[in-house]
Amino acid sequence: MGEDIAEPYPAVDRTELQTEIARDLRALTAISEQIGHVFARSNNLRPNDFRALMHVATADAEGAPVTAGQLSKLMGVSAPAVTYLVERMIESGHLARVPDATDRRRVHLGYTEDGMAVAAGFFGPLSARVRAALADLPDSDLAAAHRVLVGVTAALREFYTELPEPGQSADQHGTG
């Protein structure tokens, strides 16, 4: 019973592991951006259109759908620019305005069935490849990876809220 269970990887310094995770996340971000550009080009979307779709999808997956005003803040663009973008995305069939279930005055942005079908058609093969790549990993590894990604995402969001607005110095923001 008192046997040591060998780790699948050699012992590594914690700081080195954190550096490797940061490197991995940069690589993940870079290739994700490249794939996003291909999706955008293949669907006649502008780069900001794809960014908007990602924000809408992320918010929806987190159970907190976004309004156009919230999208404007998330993207760091003016309200008129987001209005124009949203109108284009509605006209192209990717997004729709969805009335809030509890406050009919509030309107959220959501994917249309056609928009979901387009995304599924493009990203479905990627999903299958990711599932295949993770198939041999034990559930405990997947759970640990999920905890790491949740922690990193929370840190990134916290850092983002502390960044100065464009045109505002760090001193004006209170971080300097």
N, C-alpha and C. Protein backbone atom coordinates (compact mmCIF):
# COMPACT_ATOMS: atom_id res chain seq x y z
N MET A 1 0.80 -1.19 0.00
CA MET A 1 0.00 0.00 0.00
C MET A 1 0.85 1.26 0.00
N GLY A 2 1.90 1.38 0.69
CA GLY A 2 2.65 2.61 0.83
C GLY A 2 3.49 2.94 -0.38
N GLU A 3 3.15 2.42 -1.55
CA GLU A 3 3.94 2.68 -2.76
C GLU A 3 3.75 4.12 -3.23
N ASP A 4 4.86 4.68 -3.72
CA ASP A 4 4.77 6.01 -4.34
C ASP A 4 4.19 5.85 -5.74
N ILE A 5 3.27 6.72 -6.06
CA ILE A 5 2.70 6.70 -7.40
C ILE A 5 3.55 7.64 -8.25
N ALA A 6 4.12 7.12 -9.30
CA ALA A 6 4.97 7.92 -10.18
C ALA A 6 4.12 8.93 -10.95
N GLU A 7 4.63 10.16 -11.02
CA GLU A 7 3.95 11.17 -11.80
C GLU A 7 4.27 10.94 -13.28
N PRO A 8 3.34 11.29 -14.16
CA PRO A 8 3.59 11.06 -15.58
C PRO A 8 4.69 11.95 -16.16
N TYR A 9 5.03 13.02 -15.47
CA TYR A 9 6.06 13.94 -15.94
C TYR A 9 7.13 14.07 -14.86
N PRO A 10 8.35 14.33 -15.26
CA PRO A 10 9.39 14.52 -14.26
C PRO A 10 9.08 15.75 -13.40
N ALA A 11 9.60 15.76 -12.18
CA ALA A 11 9.37 16.89 -11.28
C ALA A 11 9.90 18.16 -11.93
N VAL A 12 9.08 19.20 -11.91
CA VAL A 12 9.45 20.47 -12.52
C VAL A 12 9.19 21.57 -11.51
N ASP A 13 10.03 22.57 -11.54
CA ASP A 13 9.87 23.73 -10.69
C ASP A 13 8.52 24.41 -10.98
N ARG A 14 7.81 24.83 -9.93
CA ARG A 14 6.49 25.45 -10.09
C ARG A 14 6.55 26.69 -10.98
N THR A 15 7.58 27.51 -10.80
CA THR A 15 7.72 28.71 -11.62
C THR A 15 7.88 28.33 -13.09
N GLU A 16 8.62 27.27 -13.34
CA GLU A 16 8.80 26.80 -14.71
C GLU A 16 7.48 26.30 -15.30
N LEU A 17 6.69 25.60 -14.48
CA LEU A 17 5.37 25.15 -14.94
C LEU A 17 4.47 26.33 -15.28
N GLN A 18 4.48 27.35 -14.43
CA GLN A 18 3.66 28.53 -14.69
C GLN A 18 4.11 29.23 -15.98
N THR A 19 5.41 29.28 -16.20
CA THR A 19 5.93 29.86 -17.44
C THR A 19 5.49 29.05 -18.64
N GLU A 20 5.53 27.72 -18.51
CA GLU A 20 5.08 26.85 -19.61
C GLU A 20 3.60 27.05 -19.90
N ILE A 21 2.79 27.19 -18.86
CA ILE A 21 1.35 27.42 -19.05
C ILE A 21 1.13 28.75 -19.76
N ALA A 22 1.85 29.79 -19.35
CA ALA A 22 1.72 31.09 -20.02
C ALA A 22 2.12 30.98 -21.48
N ARG A 23 3.18 30.24 -21.77
CA ARG A 23 3.63 30.03 -23.15
C ARG A 23 2.55 29.28 -23.94
N ASP A 24 2.00 28.24 -23.32
CA ASP A 24 0.95 27.46 -23.98
C ASP A 24 -0.27 28.32 -24.29
N LEU A 25 -0.64 29.19 -23.34
CA LEU A 25 -1.81 30.05 -23.56
C LEU A 25 -1.57 31.05 -24.69
N ARG A 26 -0.35 31.57 -24.78
CA ARG A 26 -0.04 32.48 -25.90
C ARG A 26 -0.14 31.73 -27.23
N ALA A 27 0.37 30.52 -27.27
CA ALA A 27 0.28 29.72 -28.50
C ALA A 27 -1.18 29.42 -28.84
N LEU A 28 -1.97 29.08 -27.82
CA LEU A 28 -3.39 28.80 -28.01
C LEU A 28 -4.10 30.05 -28.54
N THR A 29 -3.80 31.19 -27.96
CA THR A 29 -4.41 32.44 -28.40
C THR A 29 -4.03 32.75 -29.84
N ALA A 30 -2.76 32.57 -30.18
CA ALA A 30 -2.30 32.88 -31.54
C ALA A 30 -2.98 32.00 -32.58
N ILE A 31 -3.03 30.70 -32.36
CA ILE A 31 -3.65 29.81 -33.36
C ILE A 31 -5.17 30.00 -33.39
N SER A 32 -5.76 30.30 -32.24
CA SER A 32 -7.21 30.57 -32.21
C SER A 32 -7.53 31.80 -33.04
N GLU A 33 -6.67 32.82 -32.94
CA GLU A 33 -6.88 34.03 -33.72
C GLU A 33 -6.76 33.73 -35.21
N GLN A 34 -5.78 32.91 -35.59
CA GLN A 34 -5.62 32.55 -37.01
C GLN A 34 -6.86 31.82 -37.52
N ILE A 35 -7.38 30.88 -36.73
CA ILE A 35 -8.58 30.14 -37.12
C ILE A 35 -9.77 31.09 -37.22
N GLY A 36 -9.87 32.01 -36.28
CA GLY A 36 -10.95 32.99 -36.31
C GLY A 36 -10.92 33.85 -37.56
N HIS A 37 -9.72 34.23 -37.98
CA HIS A 37 -9.60 35.02 -39.21
C HIS A 37 -10.06 34.22 -40.43
N VAL A 38 -9.73 32.94 -40.47
CA VAL A 38 -10.17 32.10 -41.59
C VAL A 38 -11.69 32.00 -41.58
N PHE A 39 -12.28 31.77 -40.40
CA PHE A 39 -13.74 31.71 -40.29
C PHE A 39 -14.35 33.02 -40.78
N ALA A 40 -13.81 34.13 -40.32
CA ALA A 40 -14.35 35.44 -40.70
C ALA A 40 -14.28 35.64 -42.21
N ARG A 41 -13.11 35.38 -42.79
CA ARG A 41 -12.97 35.56 -44.24
C ARG A 41 -13.91 34.64 -45.02
N SER A 42 -14.04 33.41 -44.56
CA SER A 42 -14.87 32.45 -45.30
C SER A 42 -16.36 32.75 -45.17
N ASN A 43 -16.71 33.63 -44.23
CA ASN A 43 -18.12 34.00 -44.05
C ASN A 43 -18.36 35.49 -44.27
N ASN A 44 -17.42 36.12 -44.99
CA ASN A 44 -17.54 37.54 -45.31
C ASN A 44 -17.78 38.42 -44.09
N LEU A 45 -17.07 38.10 -43.01
CA LEU A 45 -17.15 38.88 -41.79
C LEU A 45 -15.89 39.72 -41.63
N ARG A 46 -16.05 40.85 -41.02
CA ARG A 46 -14.91 41.70 -40.68
C ARG A 46 -14.32 41.18 -39.37
N PRO A 47 -13.07 41.52 -39.09
CA PRO A 47 -12.46 41.06 -37.83
C PRO A 47 -13.28 41.43 -36.59
N ASN A 48 -13.83 42.65 -36.55
CA ASN A 48 -14.65 43.03 -35.39
C ASN A 48 -15.96 42.25 -35.34
N ASP A 49 -16.47 41.83 -36.48
CA ASP A 49 -17.68 41.01 -36.49
C ASP A 49 -17.41 39.70 -35.76
N PHE A 50 -16.25 39.09 -36.07
CA PHE A 50 -15.91 37.83 -35.42
C PHE A 50 -15.67 38.04 -33.93
N ARG A 51 -15.00 39.14 -33.58
CA ARG A 51 -14.79 39.44 -32.15
C ARG A 51 -16.14 39.56 -31.44
N ALA A 52 -17.09 40.23 -32.08
CA ALA A 52 -18.42 40.37 -31.48
C ALA A 52 -19.07 39.01 -31.30
N LEU A 53 -18.98 38.16 -32.31
CA LEU A 53 -19.56 36.82 -32.19
C LEU A 53 -18.94 36.05 -31.03
N MET A 54 -17.63 36.19 -30.85
CA MET A 54 -16.96 35.50 -29.74
C MET A 54 -17.46 36.01 -28.40
N HIS A 55 -17.64 37.33 -28.28
CA HIS A 55 -18.16 37.89 -27.03
C HIS A 55 -19.58 37.41 -26.76
N VAL A 56 -20.40 37.39 -27.80
CA VAL A 56 -21.79 36.94 -27.64
C VAL A 56 -21.81 35.47 -27.23
N ALA A 57 -21.00 34.65 -27.89
CA ALA A 57 -20.96 33.21 -27.58
C ALA A 57 -20.45 32.97 -26.17
N THR A 58 -19.41 33.68 -25.77
CA THR A 58 -18.84 33.50 -24.43
C THR A 58 -19.84 33.91 -23.36
N ALA A 59 -20.46 35.07 -23.55
CA ALA A 59 -21.45 35.54 -22.58
C ALA A 59 -22.62 34.57 -22.47
N ASP A 60 -23.07 34.07 -23.62
CA ASP A 60 -24.19 33.12 -23.63
C ASP A 60 -23.80 31.84 -22.89
N ALA A 61 -22.60 31.34 -23.16
CA ALA A 61 -22.15 30.10 -22.51
C ALA A 61 -22.01 30.27 -21.00
N GLU A 62 -21.72 31.49 -20.57
CA GLU A 62 -21.59 31.77 -19.14
C GLU A 62 -22.92 32.12 -18.51
N GLY A 63 -23.99 32.08 -19.29
CA GLY A 63 -25.33 32.34 -18.76
C GLY A 63 -25.61 33.81 -18.51
N ALA A 64 -24.86 34.69 -19.17
CA ALA A 64 -25.04 36.13 -18.99
C ALA A 64 -25.02 36.81 -20.35
N PRO A 65 -26.09 36.64 -21.14
CA PRO A 65 -26.10 37.22 -22.49
C PRO A 65 -25.87 38.73 -22.46
N VAL A 66 -25.26 39.26 -23.51
CA VAL A 66 -24.89 40.67 -23.55
C VAL A 66 -25.90 41.52 -24.31
N THR A 67 -25.96 42.77 -23.91
CA THR A 67 -26.71 43.78 -24.64
C THR A 67 -25.73 44.47 -25.59
N ALA A 68 -26.25 45.26 -26.49
CA ALA A 68 -25.38 46.01 -27.40
C ALA A 68 -24.47 46.96 -26.61
N GLY A 69 -25.00 47.57 -25.57
CA GLY A 69 -24.19 48.47 -24.73
C GLY A 69 -23.04 47.73 -24.06
N GLN A 70 -23.31 46.54 -23.55
CA GLN A 70 -22.25 45.75 -22.93
C GLN A 70 -21.22 45.32 -23.97
N LEU A 71 -21.69 44.98 -25.17
CA LEU A 71 -20.78 44.59 -26.24
C LEU A 71 -19.87 45.75 -26.61
N SER A 72 -20.41 46.94 -26.63
CA SER A 72 -19.61 48.13 -26.91
C SER A 72 -18.45 48.24 -25.92
N LYS A 73 -18.74 48.05 -24.65
CA LYS A 73 -17.70 48.13 -23.61
C LYS A 73 -16.71 46.98 -23.74
N LEU A 74 -17.20 45.77 -23.98
CA LEU A 74 -16.31 44.61 -24.12
C LEU A 74 -15.34 44.77 -25.27
N MET A 75 -15.82 45.36 -26.35
CA MET A 75 -15.00 45.50 -27.55
C MET A 75 -14.19 46.79 -27.57
N GLY A 76 -14.53 47.72 -26.67
CA GLY A 76 -13.81 48.99 -26.63
C GLY A 76 -14.09 49.86 -27.84
N VAL A 77 -15.32 49.79 -28.33
CA VAL A 77 -15.71 50.62 -29.47
C VAL A 77 -16.93 51.45 -29.08
N SER A 78 -17.19 52.49 -29.83
CA SER A 78 -18.29 53.39 -29.52
C SER A 78 -19.65 52.70 -29.71
N ALA A 79 -20.65 53.28 -29.05
CA ALA A 79 -22.02 52.76 -29.19
C ALA A 79 -22.49 52.81 -30.65
N PRO A 80 -22.24 53.92 -31.39
CA PRO A 80 -22.66 53.93 -32.79
C PRO A 80 -21.96 52.85 -33.62
N ALA A 81 -20.67 52.59 -33.33
CA ALA A 81 -19.95 51.55 -34.08
C ALA A 81 -20.55 50.19 -33.80
N VAL A 82 -20.91 49.92 -32.54
CA VAL A 82 -21.52 48.63 -32.21
C VAL A 82 -22.91 48.53 -32.83
N THR A 83 -23.65 49.62 -32.84
CA THR A 83 -24.98 49.60 -33.46
C THR A 83 -24.85 49.22 -34.93
N TYR A 84 -23.90 49.82 -35.62
CA TYR A 84 -23.68 49.51 -37.03
C TYR A 84 -23.28 48.04 -37.19
N LEU A 85 -22.35 47.58 -36.34
CA LEU A 85 -21.89 46.20 -36.39
C LEU A 85 -23.06 45.23 -36.14
N VAL A 86 -23.85 45.49 -35.11
CA VAL A 86 -24.98 44.62 -34.77
C VAL A 86 -25.99 44.59 -35.91
N GLU A 87 -26.28 45.74 -36.50
CA GLU A 87 -27.22 45.78 -37.61
C GLU A 87 -26.72 44.92 -38.77
N ARG A 88 -25.42 45.01 -39.07
CA ARG A 88 -24.83 44.19 -40.13
C ARG A 88 -24.94 42.70 -39.79
N MET A 89 -24.67 42.36 -38.53
CA MET A 89 -24.69 40.96 -38.11
C MET A 89 -26.11 40.40 -38.11
N ILE A 90 -27.09 41.24 -37.81
CA ILE A 90 -28.49 40.82 -37.88
C ILE A 90 -28.89 40.62 -39.34
N GLU A 91 -28.51 41.59 -40.18
CA GLU A 91 -28.83 41.50 -41.60
C GLU A 91 -28.18 40.28 -42.25
N SER A 92 -26.98 39.92 -41.82
CA SER A 92 -26.29 38.76 -42.40
C SER A 92 -26.81 37.43 -41.84
N GLY A 93 -27.67 37.50 -40.81
CA GLY A 93 -28.26 36.28 -40.27
C GLY A 93 -27.47 35.62 -39.15
N HIS A 94 -26.42 36.27 -38.66
CA HIS A 94 -25.62 35.67 -37.59
C HIS A 94 -26.20 35.94 -36.20
N LEU A 95 -26.72 37.14 -35.99
CA LEU A 95 -27.24 37.52 -34.68
C LEU A 95 -28.70 37.94 -34.76
N ALA A 96 -29.32 37.92 -33.60
CA ALA A 96 -30.70 38.41 -33.47
C ALA A 96 -30.82 39.13 -32.14
N ARG A 97 -31.79 40.02 -32.07
CA ARG A 97 -32.11 40.66 -30.79
C ARG A 97 -33.09 39.74 -30.07
N VAL A 98 -32.80 39.48 -28.80
CA VAL A 98 -33.61 38.57 -28.00
C VAL A 98 -34.11 39.33 -26.77
N PRO A 99 -35.44 39.47 -26.62
CA PRO A 99 -35.96 40.17 -25.45
C PRO A 99 -35.59 39.43 -24.16
N ASP A 100 -35.23 40.18 -23.13
CA ASP A 100 -34.92 39.61 -21.82
C ASP A 100 -36.19 38.97 -21.25
N ALA A 101 -36.05 37.80 -20.67
CA ALA A 101 -37.21 37.08 -20.14
C ALA A 101 -37.85 37.79 -18.95
N THR A 102 -37.05 38.55 -18.18
CA THR A 102 -37.59 39.19 -16.98
C THR A 102 -37.85 40.69 -17.16
N ASP A 103 -37.18 41.32 -18.11
CA ASP A 103 -37.35 42.75 -18.35
C ASP A 103 -37.49 42.97 -19.85
N ARG A 104 -38.72 43.09 -20.31
CA ARG A 104 -38.99 43.18 -21.74
C ARG A 104 -38.38 44.44 -22.37
N ARG A 105 -37.97 45.41 -21.56
CA ARG A 105 -37.33 46.60 -22.11
C ARG A 105 -35.88 46.33 -22.50
N ARG A 106 -35.29 45.31 -21.90
CA ARG A 106 -33.89 44.98 -22.17
C ARG A 106 -33.82 43.96 -23.31
N VAL A 107 -32.87 44.17 -24.20
CA VAL A 107 -32.70 43.28 -25.34
C VAL A 107 -31.27 42.77 -25.36
N HIS A 108 -31.13 41.47 -25.45
CA HIS A 108 -29.82 40.82 -25.53
C HIS A 108 -29.53 40.46 -26.98
N LEU A 109 -28.27 40.15 -27.22
CA LEU A 109 -27.87 39.67 -28.53
C LEU A 109 -27.69 38.16 -28.45
N GLY A 110 -28.17 37.45 -29.45
CA GLY A 110 -28.03 36.00 -29.47
C GLY A 110 -27.81 35.51 -30.89
N TYR A 111 -27.29 34.32 -30.98
CA TYR A 111 -27.09 33.69 -32.28
C TYR A 111 -28.43 33.27 -32.87
N THR A 112 -28.53 33.33 -34.19
CA THR A 112 -29.69 32.77 -34.87
C THR A 112 -29.40 31.29 -35.11
N GLU A 113 -30.43 30.55 -35.48
CA GLU A 113 -30.22 29.14 -35.82
C GLU A 113 -29.27 29.01 -37.01
N ASP A 114 -29.43 29.89 -37.99
CA ASP A 114 -28.53 29.86 -39.15
C ASP A 114 -27.10 30.19 -38.73
N GLY A 115 -26.95 31.18 -37.87
CA GLY A 115 -25.62 31.53 -37.38
C GLY A 115 -24.97 30.38 -36.63
N MET A 116 -25.76 29.69 -35.83
CA MET A 116 -25.24 28.52 -35.10
C MET A 116 -24.85 27.41 -36.06
N ALA A 117 -25.65 27.22 -37.09
CA ALA A 117 -25.36 26.17 -38.08
C ALA A 117 -24.06 26.47 -38.83
N VAL A 118 -23.86 27.74 -39.17
CA VAL A 118 -22.62 28.14 -39.86
C VAL A 118 -21.42 27.87 -38.95
N ALA A 119 -21.53 28.29 -37.70
CA ALA A 119 -20.44 28.07 -36.74
C ALA A 119 -20.19 26.58 -36.53
N ALA A 120 -21.25 25.81 -36.38
CA ALA A 120 -21.09 24.37 -36.16
C ALA A 120 -20.46 23.69 -37.36
N GLY A 121 -20.84 24.13 -38.55
CA GLY A 121 -20.26 23.55 -39.76
C GLY A 121 -18.77 23.80 -39.86
N PHE A 122 -18.34 24.98 -39.44
CA PHE A 122 -16.92 25.32 -39.51
C PHE A 122 -16.15 24.72 -38.34
N PHE A 123 -16.67 24.89 -37.12
CA PHE A 123 -15.92 24.50 -35.92
C PHE A 123 -16.16 23.07 -35.48
N GLY A 124 -17.16 22.38 -36.07
CA GLY A 124 -17.43 20.99 -35.71
C GLY A 124 -16.21 20.09 -35.86
N PRO A 125 -15.51 20.15 -36.99
CA PRO A 125 -14.30 19.32 -37.13
C PRO A 125 -13.22 19.65 -36.09
N LEU A 126 -13.13 20.92 -35.71
CA LEU A 126 -12.17 21.29 -34.66
C LEU A 126 -12.57 20.65 -33.34
N SER A 127 -13.84 20.70 -33.02
CA SER A 127 -14.33 20.08 -31.79
C SER A 127 -14.00 18.59 -31.76
N ALA A 128 -14.19 17.92 -32.89
CA ALA A 128 -13.88 16.49 -32.97
C ALA A 128 -12.38 16.26 -32.76
N ARG A 129 -11.54 17.12 -33.32
CA ARG A 129 -10.09 16.97 -33.14
C ARG A 129 -9.68 17.20 -31.69
N VAL A 130 -10.29 18.18 -31.05
CA VAL A 130 -9.97 18.46 -29.64
C VAL A 130 -10.39 17.26 -28.78
N ARG A 131 -11.58 16.74 -29.01
CA ARG A 131 -12.03 15.57 -28.24
C ARG A 131 -11.09 14.39 -28.45
N ALA A 132 -10.63 14.18 -29.67
CA ALA A 132 -9.70 13.09 -29.96
C ALA A 132 -8.36 13.32 -29.26
N ALA A 133 -7.90 14.58 -29.26
CA ALA A 133 -6.62 14.90 -28.61
C ALA A 133 -6.68 14.68 -27.11
N LEU A 134 -7.86 14.83 -26.52
CA LEU A 134 -8.01 14.70 -25.07
C LEU A 134 -8.50 13.31 -24.64
N ALA A 135 -8.81 12.46 -25.59
CA ALA A 135 -9.44 11.18 -25.30
C ALA A 135 -8.65 10.30 -24.34
N ASP A 136 -7.34 10.32 -24.41
CA ASP A 136 -6.52 9.45 -23.57
C ASP A 136 -6.18 10.05 -22.21
N LEU A 137 -6.57 11.28 -21.98
CA LEU A 137 -6.27 11.91 -20.69
C LEU A 137 -7.31 11.51 -19.65
N PRO A 138 -6.87 11.24 -18.44
CA PRO A 138 -7.85 10.88 -17.39
C PRO A 138 -8.70 12.10 -17.01
N ASP A 139 -9.89 11.83 -16.52
CA ASP A 139 -10.80 12.90 -16.12
C ASP A 139 -10.15 13.84 -15.11
N SER A 140 -9.29 13.31 -14.23
CA SER A 140 -8.64 14.16 -13.23
C SER A 140 -7.74 15.19 -13.89
N ASP A 141 -7.07 14.82 -14.99
CA ASP A 141 -6.24 15.78 -15.73
C ASP A 141 -7.11 16.85 -16.37
N LEU A 142 -8.23 16.43 -16.94
CA LEU A 142 -9.13 17.39 -17.57
C LEU A 142 -9.71 18.35 -16.53
N ALA A 143 -10.05 17.83 -15.36
CA ALA A 143 -10.57 18.68 -14.29
C ALA A 143 -9.51 19.68 -13.83
N ALA A 144 -8.26 19.22 -13.72
CA ALA A 144 -7.17 20.12 -13.32
C ALA A 144 -6.94 21.18 -14.39
N ALA A 145 -6.96 20.79 -15.65
CA ALA A 145 -6.78 21.75 -16.74
C ALA A 145 -7.90 22.78 -16.73
N HIS A 146 -9.12 22.34 -16.46
CA HIS A 146 -10.25 23.26 -16.39
C HIS A 146 -10.04 24.26 -15.26
N ARG A 147 -9.60 23.79 -14.11
CA ARG A 147 -9.35 24.70 -12.98
C ARG A 147 -8.27 25.72 -13.34
N VAL A 148 -7.24 25.28 -14.03
CA VAL A 148 -6.17 26.19 -14.46
C VAL A 148 -6.74 27.25 -15.39
N LEU A 149 -7.51 26.84 -16.38
CA LEU A 149 -8.05 27.79 -17.35
C LEU A 149 -9.03 28.77 -16.70
N VAL A 150 -9.83 28.29 -15.76
CA VAL A 150 -10.76 29.17 -15.04
C VAL A 150 -9.96 30.20 -14.23
N GLY A 151 -8.91 29.75 -13.56
CA GLY A 151 -8.08 30.67 -12.79
C GLY A 151 -7.38 31.70 -13.65
N VAL A 152 -6.83 31.27 -14.76
CA VAL A 152 -6.14 32.20 -15.67
C VAL A 152 -7.14 33.19 -16.27
N THR A 153 -8.31 32.71 -16.66
CA THR A 153 -9.33 33.60 -17.22
C THR A 153 -9.75 34.64 -16.19
N ALA A 154 -9.94 34.23 -14.96
CA ALA A 154 -10.31 35.17 -13.89
C ALA A 154 -9.21 36.21 -13.70
N ALA A 155 -7.95 35.80 -13.72
CA ALA A 155 -6.83 36.73 -13.57
C ALA A 155 -6.79 37.72 -14.74
N LEU A 156 -7.01 37.23 -15.96
CA LEU A 156 -7.01 38.10 -17.13
C LEU A 156 -8.14 39.12 -17.04
N ARG A 157 -9.32 38.66 -16.64
CA ARG A 157 -10.46 39.59 -16.53
C ARG A 157 -10.21 40.64 -15.45
N GLU A 158 -9.63 40.23 -14.34
CA GLU A 158 -9.32 41.18 -13.27
C GLU A 158 -8.30 42.20 -13.76
N PHE A 159 -7.26 41.73 -14.44
CA PHE A 159 -6.24 42.63 -14.99
C PHE A 159 -6.87 43.60 -15.98
N TYR A 160 -7.76 43.11 -16.81
CA TYR A 160 -8.42 43.96 -17.81
C TYR A 160 -9.18 45.11 -17.15
N THR A 161 -9.88 44.80 -16.06
CA THR A 161 -10.66 45.85 -15.39
C THR A 161 -9.76 46.92 -14.79
N GLU A 162 -8.50 46.59 -14.55
CA GLU A 162 -7.57 47.55 -13.96
C GLU A 162 -6.82 48.38 -15.00
N LEU A 163 -6.95 48.03 -16.28
CA LEU A 163 -6.25 48.76 -17.34
C LEU A 163 -6.90 50.12 -17.55
N PRO A 164 -6.09 51.13 -17.87
CA PRO A 164 -6.67 52.45 -18.15
C PRO A 164 -7.45 52.42 -19.46
N GLU A 165 -8.43 53.30 -19.54
CA GLU A 165 -9.19 53.45 -20.78
C GLU A 165 -8.25 54.00 -21.84
N PRO A 166 -8.52 53.73 -23.12
CA PRO A 166 -7.69 54.32 -24.17
C PRO A 166 -7.65 55.83 -24.02
N GLY A 167 -6.46 56.40 -24.15
CA GLY A 167 -6.29 57.84 -24.01
C GLY A 167 -6.14 58.31 -22.58
N GLN A 168 -6.22 57.38 -21.63
CA GLN A 168 -6.10 57.72 -20.22
C GLN A 168 -4.76 57.16 -19.71
N SER A 169 -4.01 57.94 -19.00
CA SER A 169 -2.73 57.45 -18.48
C SER A 169 -2.97 56.55 -17.27
N ALA A 170 -1.97 55.77 -16.92
CA ALA A 170 -2.06 54.92 -15.75
C ALA A 170 -2.29 55.75 -14.50
N ASP A 171 -1.68 56.97 -14.44
CA ASP A 171 -1.87 57.85 -13.28
C ASP A 171 -3.33 58.28 -13.15
N GLN A 172 -3.99 58.58 -14.27
CA GLN A 172 -5.39 58.99 -14.25
C GLN A 172 -6.29 57.84 -13.82
N HIS A 173 -5.86 56.62 -14.10
CA HIS A 173 -6.66 55.43 -13.78
C HIS A 173 -6.47 55.01 -12.33
N GLY A 174 -5.42 55.50 -11.71
CA GLY A 174 -5.17 55.14 -10.32
C GLY A 174 -4.28 53.94 -10.16
N THR A 175 -3.59 53.51 -11.24
CA THR A 175 -2.72 52.35 -11.13
C THR A 175 -1.26 52.75 -11.09
N GLY A 176 -0.96 54.05 -11.17
CA GLY A 176 0.43 54.48 -11.26
C GLY A 176 0.96 55.15 -10.09
